[in-house]
Amino acid sequence: MTVNASAGLRAPGPVSLDPVGGKARTAIPVSGVHQWLTTLLRDLPKPTEYRFTADYSRAVVDYCLEKWPGGGSLAAPTVEEADAEFRASMTAAKDLSEHQVDQVCNRIFGTERELSAWLCGTTERYLTIIKPWTPVWLGFTNWALRWCRQNSIETLVFLARDALPFYIAATSLDQGLDLHLAHVSRTTRPDPLTANSILRQPSIALIDSGCYGTCINELRQRRSAVLDDSRDDGLATLLFYSRNPQLFGYVNYVMGKDMLASPETMGRAADFIIYAGDLLEALPKPYRYREQDPSTVEPTDLVSFTISIAALSRISSMAQASTFLDTERMNDLHEQVGLLFRLYQLAQHRCDLRGDFLFDEPTPKSLPAPGALAGLDFVEIPPQSYAFGTAGG
């Protein structure tokens, strides 16, 4: 397996001010993100080192308090400050509405006054809610790796930050593929030198959380330009979920079996698929891009940092353990997704079940800007085009 780690974690660079509270953050070049995350996850306390779950949870929180930010060189926030910074980070990301952010906070925040205890309880509650989704994320990653190997695609590009869970799982599954973490999003443009070197590879699969595929489309167009010909070579696009009928969505296809077999029981299926995407995209991230210099990142707020490191560690551990499972058991996610869907349906009518979900309703997505998806009609975009072809009409 080859992982994109062209530069390791450099010595602490310049610091910037957090817009919430004015605290300084150490800057990290995007080329060092892989090594930074790898080191954090490698050194994180392991469950086998502790007899009781509560002791392990406290050890994880203490570790994150030490590592956030700048190796513990700055004073930790109060509970009230940590609460405010997390809310501000979630709102600024624009993945959820303000009402949804309030629902998330109401369902995971505790009443403890001491920071470590409050952060420990908050992290445990968050991980409990997303626990049933972890096998689904892992199943998508494993399927994507297997599909790429079956179709002789060796270079897999994971779009940061939403595809971080898949990237971490893929590096743990270790199937001999060339894995890259591409720093591109709605607001962050890829570094031309790095992106072009990846996009010149003969066979590529782009992997992301999903939605309409605007970022995917930009990379597809960039690849056509760097290849300097008009040939469309079938750049594969593997999304966790999709709101674009031209693009494959994993959850869409898993749900498709029941949509065809039992349409009368599939009310709110479309909302559930969008919720699945919203949940993944709203998963707290360990870093964010610096507004004044998007070629560098900085740790996020303390709550986001702690939850994300704990969640990514769990995903990595499950991926490593899954290598001992047979392929059929690894990839039969239909039953798990079906169970989550039934709970989602029931939660619309049962208030006592809504606490099993971070928020109640999916976020309405605004349509892409005119021209953002130009060129996606009837082109060769596997695996979608493998199933339905590319002819119009």
Protein backbone atom coordinates (compact mmCIF):
# COMPACT_ATOMS: atom_id res chain seq x y z
CA MET A 1 0.00 0.00 0.00
CA THR A 2 1.26 3.46 -0.87
CA VAL A 3 -0.06 6.42 1.09
CA ASN A 4 0.28 10.04 0.02
CA ALA A 5 2.66 11.43 2.62
CA SER A 6 5.04 13.48 0.53
CA ALA A 7 6.12 15.48 3.54
CA GLY A 8 6.13 14.60 7.20
CA LEU A 9 4.98 16.79 10.06
CA ARG A 10 7.24 19.77 10.09
CA ALA A 11 8.40 21.71 13.09
CA PRO A 12 5.69 23.92 14.57
CA GLY A 13 5.04 26.75 12.16
CA PRO A 14 3.40 30.12 12.58
CA VAL A 15 0.40 30.48 14.84
CA SER A 16 -2.98 31.99 14.08
CA LEU A 17 -5.79 33.20 16.27
CA ASP A 18 -8.95 31.19 16.73
CA PRO A 19 -11.92 33.43 15.83
CA VAL A 20 -13.70 32.10 18.93
CA GLY A 21 -11.87 33.14 22.05
CA GLY A 22 -8.67 34.39 20.44
CA LYS A 23 -6.61 31.28 21.26
CA ALA A 24 -3.52 30.52 19.17
CA ARG A 25 -3.34 27.47 16.91
CA THR A 26 -0.22 25.84 15.49
CA ALA A 27 -0.23 25.75 11.68
CA ILE A 28 0.51 22.48 9.84
CA PRO A 29 1.20 22.25 6.08
CA VAL A 30 -1.37 20.15 4.21
CA SER A 31 1.48 17.89 3.11
CA GLY A 32 1.96 16.98 6.77
CA VAL A 33 -1.65 16.14 7.59
CA HIS A 34 -1.25 12.41 6.92
CA GLN A 35 1.77 12.09 9.21
CA TRP A 36 0.18 14.29 11.87
CA LEU A 37 -2.98 12.14 11.97
CA THR A 38 -1.01 8.90 11.78
CA THR A 39 1.11 9.93 14.77
CA LEU A 40 -1.91 11.02 16.81
CA LEU A 41 -3.77 7.76 16.15
CA ARG A 42 -0.67 5.63 16.71
CA ASP A 43 0.07 7.18 20.10
CA LEU A 44 -3.54 7.30 21.30
CA PRO A 45 -4.12 5.00 24.32
CA LYS A 46 -5.41 1.56 23.34
CA PRO A 47 -8.51 -0.11 24.90
CA THR A 48 -6.50 -3.25 25.75
CA GLU A 49 -4.35 -1.18 28.10
CA TYR A 50 -7.30 -0.49 30.43
CA ARG A 51 -9.49 -2.79 32.46
CA PHE A 52 -12.57 -0.56 32.54
CA THR A 53 -14.18 1.36 29.68
CA ALA A 54 -14.50 4.49 31.82
CA ASP A 55 -10.77 4.49 32.51
CA TYR A 56 -10.03 4.19 28.80
CA SER A 57 -12.42 7.02 27.90
CA ARG A 58 -10.76 9.29 30.45
CA ALA A 59 -7.32 8.35 29.09
CA VAL A 60 -8.41 9.31 25.55
CA VAL A 61 -9.70 12.68 26.76
CA ASP A 62 -6.52 13.35 28.75
CA TYR A 63 -4.45 12.51 25.67
CA CYS A 64 -6.47 14.89 23.49
CA LEU A 65 -6.24 17.64 26.11
CA GLU A 66 -2.47 17.21 26.02
CA LYS A 67 -2.22 17.23 22.22
CA TRP A 68 -4.64 20.12 21.62
CA PRO A 69 -3.25 22.53 20.59
CA GLY A 70 0.55 22.82 20.43
CA GLY A 71 1.22 19.92 22.78
CA GLY A 72 -0.69 21.44 25.66
CA SER A 73 1.21 24.73 25.57
CA LEU A 74 -2.02 26.74 25.85
CA ALA A 75 -4.54 26.77 28.65
CA ALA A 76 -7.56 24.54 28.11
CA PRO A 77 -10.93 26.30 27.77
CA THR A 78 -13.68 26.24 30.35
CA VAL A 79 -16.73 24.07 29.73
CA GLU A 80 -18.65 27.14 28.60
CA GLU A 81 -15.87 28.14 26.18
CA ALA A 82 -15.58 24.61 24.78
CA ASP A 83 -19.36 24.55 24.28
CA ALA A 84 -19.32 27.90 22.45
CA GLU A 85 -16.33 26.99 20.24
CA PHE A 86 -17.91 23.69 19.18
CA ARG A 87 -21.19 25.39 18.28
CA ALA A 88 -19.31 28.04 16.33
CA SER A 89 -17.28 25.42 14.42
CA MET A 90 -20.36 23.38 13.52
CA THR A 91 -22.24 26.46 12.37
CA ALA A 92 -19.30 27.82 10.35
CA ALA A 93 -18.94 24.51 8.47
CA LYS A 94 -22.47 25.03 7.05
CA ASP A 95 -23.13 21.29 6.88
CA LEU A 96 -26.04 21.64 9.32
CA SER A 97 -28.59 24.33 10.09
CA GLU A 98 -28.41 26.23 13.38
CA HIS A 99 -31.42 24.23 14.60
CA GLN A 100 -29.62 20.96 13.83
CA VAL A 101 -26.48 22.20 15.60
CA ASP A 102 -28.63 22.90 18.68
CA GLN A 103 -30.06 19.37 18.47
CA VAL A 104 -26.58 17.85 18.28
CA CYS A 105 -25.39 19.82 21.29
CA ASN A 106 -28.53 19.04 23.33
CA ARG A 107 -28.05 15.32 22.70
CA ILE A 108 -24.36 15.01 23.48
CA PHE A 109 -23.52 17.70 26.06
CA GLY A 110 -23.68 16.76 29.72
CA THR A 111 -24.08 18.80 32.90
CA GLU A 112 -20.64 18.21 34.42
CA ARG A 113 -18.78 21.35 35.45
CA GLU A 114 -15.24 19.93 35.32
CA LEU A 115 -13.86 20.04 31.75
CA SER A 116 -12.33 16.57 31.57
CA ALA A 117 -15.45 14.84 32.91
CA TRP A 118 -17.72 16.92 30.64
CA LEU A 119 -15.57 16.22 27.57
CA CYS A 120 -15.42 12.52 28.42
CA GLY A 121 -19.21 12.23 28.70
CA THR A 122 -19.74 14.30 25.56
CA THR A 123 -17.37 12.15 23.52
CA GLU A 124 -18.90 8.91 24.80
CA ARG A 125 -22.42 10.06 23.93
CA TYR A 126 -21.37 11.12 20.44
CA LEU A 127 -19.59 7.83 19.77
CA THR A 128 -22.59 5.88 21.02
CA ILE A 129 -24.91 7.62 18.55
CA ILE A 130 -22.63 7.09 15.53
CA LYS A 131 -21.60 3.54 16.51
CA PRO A 132 -24.28 1.81 14.34
CA TRP A 133 -23.03 3.80 11.33
CA THR A 134 -19.39 2.79 11.68
CA PRO A 135 -19.91 -0.63 10.00
CA VAL A 136 -21.68 1.13 7.12
CA TRP A 137 -18.74 3.50 6.58
CA LEU A 138 -16.35 0.57 6.82
CA GLY A 139 -18.49 -1.48 4.42
CA PHE A 140 -18.41 1.30 1.83
CA THR A 141 -14.63 1.59 2.15
CA ASN A 142 -14.08 -2.13 1.79
CA TRP A 143 -16.43 -2.30 -1.19
CA ALA A 144 -14.64 0.65 -2.86
CA LEU A 145 -11.24 -1.02 -2.45
CA ARG A 146 -12.52 -4.32 -3.81
CA TRP A 147 -14.30 -2.64 -6.75
CA CYS A 148 -11.13 -0.75 -7.68
CA ARG A 149 -9.01 -3.88 -7.56
CA GLN A 150 -11.57 -5.76 -9.66
CA ASN A 151 -11.46 -2.99 -12.26
CA SER A 152 -7.67 -2.56 -12.23
CA ILE A 153 -7.79 0.90 -10.66
CA GLU A 154 -4.69 1.40 -8.55
CA THR A 155 -4.89 5.07 -7.51
CA LEU A 156 -7.60 6.05 -5.01
CA VAL A 157 -8.04 9.72 -4.17
CA PHE A 158 -10.01 10.53 -0.99
CA LEU A 159 -11.37 14.08 -0.82
CA ALA A 160 -10.60 15.74 2.51
CA ARG A 161 -12.13 16.47 4.92
CA ASP A 162 -15.42 14.57 4.50
CA ALA A 163 -13.79 11.37 3.25
CA LEU A 164 -11.35 11.15 6.19
CA PRO A 165 -13.18 8.16 7.77
CA PHE A 166 -12.85 6.24 4.49
CA TYR A 167 -9.21 7.22 4.09
CA ILE A 168 -8.32 6.12 7.63
CA ALA A 169 -10.20 2.84 7.14
CA ALA A 170 -8.51 2.24 3.78
CA THR A 171 -5.02 2.76 5.22
CA SER A 172 -5.87 0.22 7.94
CA LEU A 173 -7.28 -2.37 5.53
CA ASP A 174 -3.98 -2.34 3.57
CA GLN A 175 -4.91 -3.90 0.22
CA GLY A 176 -1.86 -2.82 -1.74
CA LEU A 177 -3.41 0.21 -3.45
CA ASP A 178 -2.04 3.72 -4.00
CA LEU A 179 -3.97 5.93 -1.57
CA HIS A 180 -4.02 9.74 -1.63
CA LEU A 181 -5.70 12.36 0.54
CA ALA A 182 -6.66 15.32 -1.67
CA HIS A 183 -7.34 18.62 0.04
CA VAL A 184 -10.20 19.98 -2.01
CA SER A 185 -13.68 21.10 -1.01
CA ARG A 186 -16.36 23.63 -1.87
CA THR A 187 -14.15 26.40 -0.45
CA THR A 188 -10.64 24.93 -0.83
CA ARG A 189 -9.02 24.62 -4.24
CA PRO A 190 -6.42 21.87 -4.74
CA ASP A 191 -2.73 22.65 -4.99
CA PRO A 192 -2.12 22.51 -8.79
CA LEU A 193 1.28 20.78 -8.60
CA THR A 194 0.11 18.04 -6.23
CA ALA A 195 -3.30 17.59 -7.87
CA ASN A 196 -1.90 17.41 -11.39
CA SER A 197 0.66 14.75 -10.46
CA ILE A 198 -2.12 12.57 -9.04
CA LEU A 199 -4.57 13.22 -11.87
CA ARG A 200 -2.02 12.13 -14.48
CA GLN A 201 -2.13 8.57 -13.15
CA PRO A 202 -3.53 6.10 -15.73
CA SER A 203 -6.43 4.86 -13.58
CA ILE A 204 -8.05 6.81 -10.76
CA ALA A 205 -11.06 6.56 -8.45
CA LEU A 206 -12.27 9.67 -6.64
CA ILE A 207 -13.91 8.90 -3.28
CA ASP A 208 -16.01 11.40 -1.34
CA SER A 209 -19.05 11.69 0.92
CA GLY A 210 -21.22 12.75 -2.02
CA CYS A 211 -24.19 15.04 -2.72
CA TYR A 212 -24.13 16.63 -6.22
CA GLY A 213 -20.51 16.03 -7.21
CA THR A 214 -19.31 19.59 -7.86
CA CYS A 215 -15.83 18.93 -6.44
CA ILE A 216 -15.64 15.67 -8.35
CA ASN A 217 -16.59 17.47 -11.56
CA GLU A 218 -13.88 20.08 -11.07
CA LEU A 219 -11.23 17.38 -10.64
CA ARG A 220 -12.56 15.49 -13.67
CA GLN A 221 -12.26 18.62 -15.81
CA ARG A 222 -8.79 19.34 -14.42
CA ARG A 223 -7.71 15.83 -15.35
CA SER A 224 -8.92 16.24 -18.93
CA ALA A 225 -6.80 19.40 -19.14
CA VAL A 226 -3.59 17.87 -17.76
CA LEU A 227 -3.94 14.83 -20.02
CA ASP A 228 -4.06 17.30 -22.92
CA ASP A 229 -6.49 15.33 -25.06
CA SER A 230 -10.22 15.08 -25.58
CA ARG A 231 -10.44 11.45 -24.55
CA ASP A 232 -12.68 10.74 -21.56
CA ASP A 233 -11.04 7.75 -19.93
CA GLY A 234 -13.69 6.82 -17.37
CA LEU A 235 -12.48 8.46 -14.18
CA ALA A 236 -14.34 6.48 -11.51
CA THR A 237 -16.47 8.36 -8.97
CA LEU A 238 -17.39 6.51 -5.76
CA LEU A 239 -19.68 8.48 -3.46
CA PHE A 240 -21.13 7.39 -0.12
CA TYR A 241 -24.45 8.96 -1.13
CA SER A 242 -25.63 10.91 -4.15
CA ARG A 243 -28.22 13.54 -5.04
CA ASN A 244 -27.06 13.48 -8.65
CA PRO A 245 -28.63 10.75 -10.83
CA GLN A 246 -25.49 10.82 -13.01
CA LEU A 247 -23.29 9.73 -10.09
CA PHE A 248 -23.14 6.52 -8.08
CA GLY A 249 -24.18 6.62 -4.42
CA TYR A 250 -23.46 3.63 -2.17
CA VAL A 251 -26.34 4.16 0.28
CA ASN A 252 -28.71 4.84 -2.65
CA TYR A 253 -27.90 1.44 -4.11
CA VAL A 254 -28.10 -0.39 -0.79
CA MET A 255 -31.56 1.12 -0.26
CA GLY A 256 -32.55 0.42 -3.87
CA LYS A 257 -33.19 -3.26 -3.21
CA ASP A 258 -36.00 -2.50 -0.74
CA MET A 259 -37.30 0.43 -2.79
CA LEU A 260 -37.97 -2.01 -5.63
CA ALA A 261 -39.16 -4.96 -3.53
CA SER A 262 -41.38 -3.13 -1.04
CA PRO A 263 -42.16 0.47 -2.06
CA GLU A 264 -45.12 0.70 0.33
CA THR A 265 -42.79 0.43 3.34
CA MET A 266 -40.16 2.87 2.09
CA GLY A 267 -41.65 6.21 3.10
CA ARG A 268 -38.96 8.87 3.80
CA ALA A 269 -36.30 6.74 2.11
CA ALA A 270 -34.95 9.77 0.23
CA ASP A 271 -34.73 11.79 3.47
CA PHE A 272 -32.89 8.92 5.14
CA ILE A 273 -30.31 8.77 2.35
CA ILE A 274 -29.69 12.51 2.68
CA TYR A 275 -29.52 12.17 6.47
CA ALA A 276 -26.85 9.48 6.05
CA GLY A 277 -24.80 11.94 4.00
CA ASP A 278 -25.41 14.83 6.40
CA LEU A 279 -24.32 12.70 9.36
CA LEU A 280 -21.04 11.82 7.66
CA GLU A 281 -20.32 15.36 6.49
CA ALA A 282 -21.11 16.79 9.94
CA LEU A 283 -18.77 14.36 11.68
CA PRO A 284 -16.36 16.61 13.65
CA LYS A 285 -12.98 17.04 11.98
CA PRO A 286 -9.56 17.15 13.69
CA TYR A 287 -8.32 20.08 11.58
CA ARG A 288 -9.58 22.99 9.50
CA TYR A 289 -8.03 25.07 6.75
CA ARG A 290 -6.66 28.47 7.65
CA GLU A 291 -8.57 31.23 5.89
CA GLN A 292 -5.47 33.33 5.26
CA ASP A 293 -3.45 30.37 3.96
CA PRO A 294 -5.40 27.27 2.77
CA SER A 295 -2.10 25.45 2.14
CA THR A 296 -1.91 24.98 5.92
CA VAL A 297 -4.31 23.60 8.51
CA GLU A 298 -4.77 24.03 12.23
CA PRO A 299 -6.46 21.90 14.91
CA THR A 300 -10.19 22.50 15.29
CA ASP A 301 -11.89 23.37 18.57
CA LEU A 302 -11.27 21.04 21.52
CA VAL A 303 -14.59 19.15 21.34
CA SER A 304 -14.35 18.55 17.58
CA PHE A 305 -10.70 17.52 17.90
CA THR A 306 -11.39 15.02 20.70
CA ILE A 307 -14.51 13.49 19.13
CA SER A 308 -12.86 13.17 15.71
CA ILE A 309 -9.68 11.54 17.00
CA ALA A 310 -11.72 9.08 19.10
CA ALA A 311 -14.01 8.31 16.15
CA LEU A 312 -11.17 7.86 13.65
CA SER A 313 -9.35 5.60 16.11
CA ARG A 314 -12.45 3.42 16.44
CA ILE A 315 -12.82 3.25 12.65
CA SER A 316 -9.16 2.30 12.26
CA SER A 317 -9.45 -0.42 14.93
CA MET A 318 -12.58 -1.87 13.35
CA ALA A 319 -10.95 -1.86 9.92
CA GLN A 320 -7.92 -3.74 11.23
CA ALA A 321 -10.13 -6.27 13.03
CA SER A 322 -12.30 -6.76 9.93
CA THR A 323 -9.38 -8.24 8.02
CA PHE A 324 -10.13 -11.45 9.92
CA LEU A 325 -13.74 -11.56 8.68
CA ASP A 326 -14.82 -13.30 5.51
CA THR A 327 -15.76 -11.15 2.54
CA GLU A 328 -19.47 -12.04 2.58
CA ARG A 329 -19.84 -11.04 6.22
CA MET A 330 -17.85 -7.85 5.67
CA ASN A 331 -20.01 -6.58 2.85
CA ASP A 332 -23.55 -7.62 3.76
CA LEU A 333 -24.59 -4.16 4.99
CA HIS A 334 -28.14 -4.34 3.66
CA GLU A 335 -29.53 -5.57 6.99
CA GLN A 336 -27.68 -2.92 9.01
CA VAL A 337 -28.81 -0.07 6.75
CA GLY A 338 -32.35 -1.44 6.82
CA LEU A 339 -32.37 -1.44 10.62
CA LEU A 340 -31.13 2.14 10.75
CA PHE A 341 -33.82 3.15 8.26
CA ARG A 342 -36.61 1.55 10.30
CA LEU A 343 -35.39 3.35 13.43
CA TYR A 344 -35.28 6.59 11.45
CA GLN A 345 -38.89 6.07 10.36
CA LEU A 346 -40.04 5.29 13.91
CA ALA A 347 -38.18 8.26 15.38
CA GLN A 348 -40.38 10.61 13.36
CA HIS A 349 -43.31 9.45 15.53
CA ARG A 350 -41.54 8.51 18.79
CA CYS A 351 -39.77 11.26 20.72
CA ASP A 352 -38.00 8.68 22.91
CA LEU A 353 -36.20 7.29 19.84
CA ARG A 354 -34.92 10.61 18.49
CA GLY A 355 -31.95 10.55 20.86
CA ASP A 356 -30.55 7.68 18.77
CA PHE A 357 -29.94 10.23 15.99
CA LEU A 358 -27.84 13.38 16.18
CA PHE A 359 -30.57 15.48 14.56
CA ASP A 360 -34.13 14.92 13.34
CA GLU A 361 -34.29 16.02 9.73
CA PRO A 362 -31.86 16.16 6.81
CA THR A 363 -30.53 19.52 5.72
CA PRO A 364 -32.12 20.94 2.55
CA LYS A 365 -29.31 21.23 0.02
CA SER A 366 -29.07 24.21 -2.28
CA LEU A 367 -28.64 23.42 -5.95
CA PRO A 368 -25.15 23.79 -7.47
CA ALA A 369 -24.32 27.05 -9.21
CA PRO A 370 -25.24 27.16 -12.92
CA GLY A 371 -22.56 25.42 -14.94
CA ALA A 372 -20.98 23.68 -11.94
CA LEU A 373 -21.99 20.27 -13.31
CA ALA A 374 -21.53 21.08 -16.99
CA GLY A 375 -20.23 18.11 -18.91
CA LEU A 376 -21.58 15.41 -16.59
CA ASP A 377 -24.46 14.42 -18.86
CA PHE A 378 -24.03 11.08 -20.61
CA VAL A 379 -20.30 10.70 -20.06
CA GLU A 380 -18.37 7.66 -18.98
CA ILE A 381 -18.37 7.87 -15.16
CA PRO A 382 -17.97 4.41 -13.64
CA PRO A 383 -19.47 2.68 -11.77
CA GLN A 384 -22.72 4.50 -12.69
CA SER A 385 -22.10 4.24 -16.43
CA TYR A 386 -21.15 0.57 -16.04
CA ALA A 387 -24.72 -0.12 -14.87
CA PHE A 388 -26.72 2.18 -17.13
CA GLY A 389 -24.47 3.10 -20.04
CA THR A 390 -23.88 6.61 -21.34
CA ALA A 391 -26.30 7.02 -24.25
CA GLY A 392 -28.78 9.86 -23.97
CA GLY A 393 -32.39 9.89 -25.07
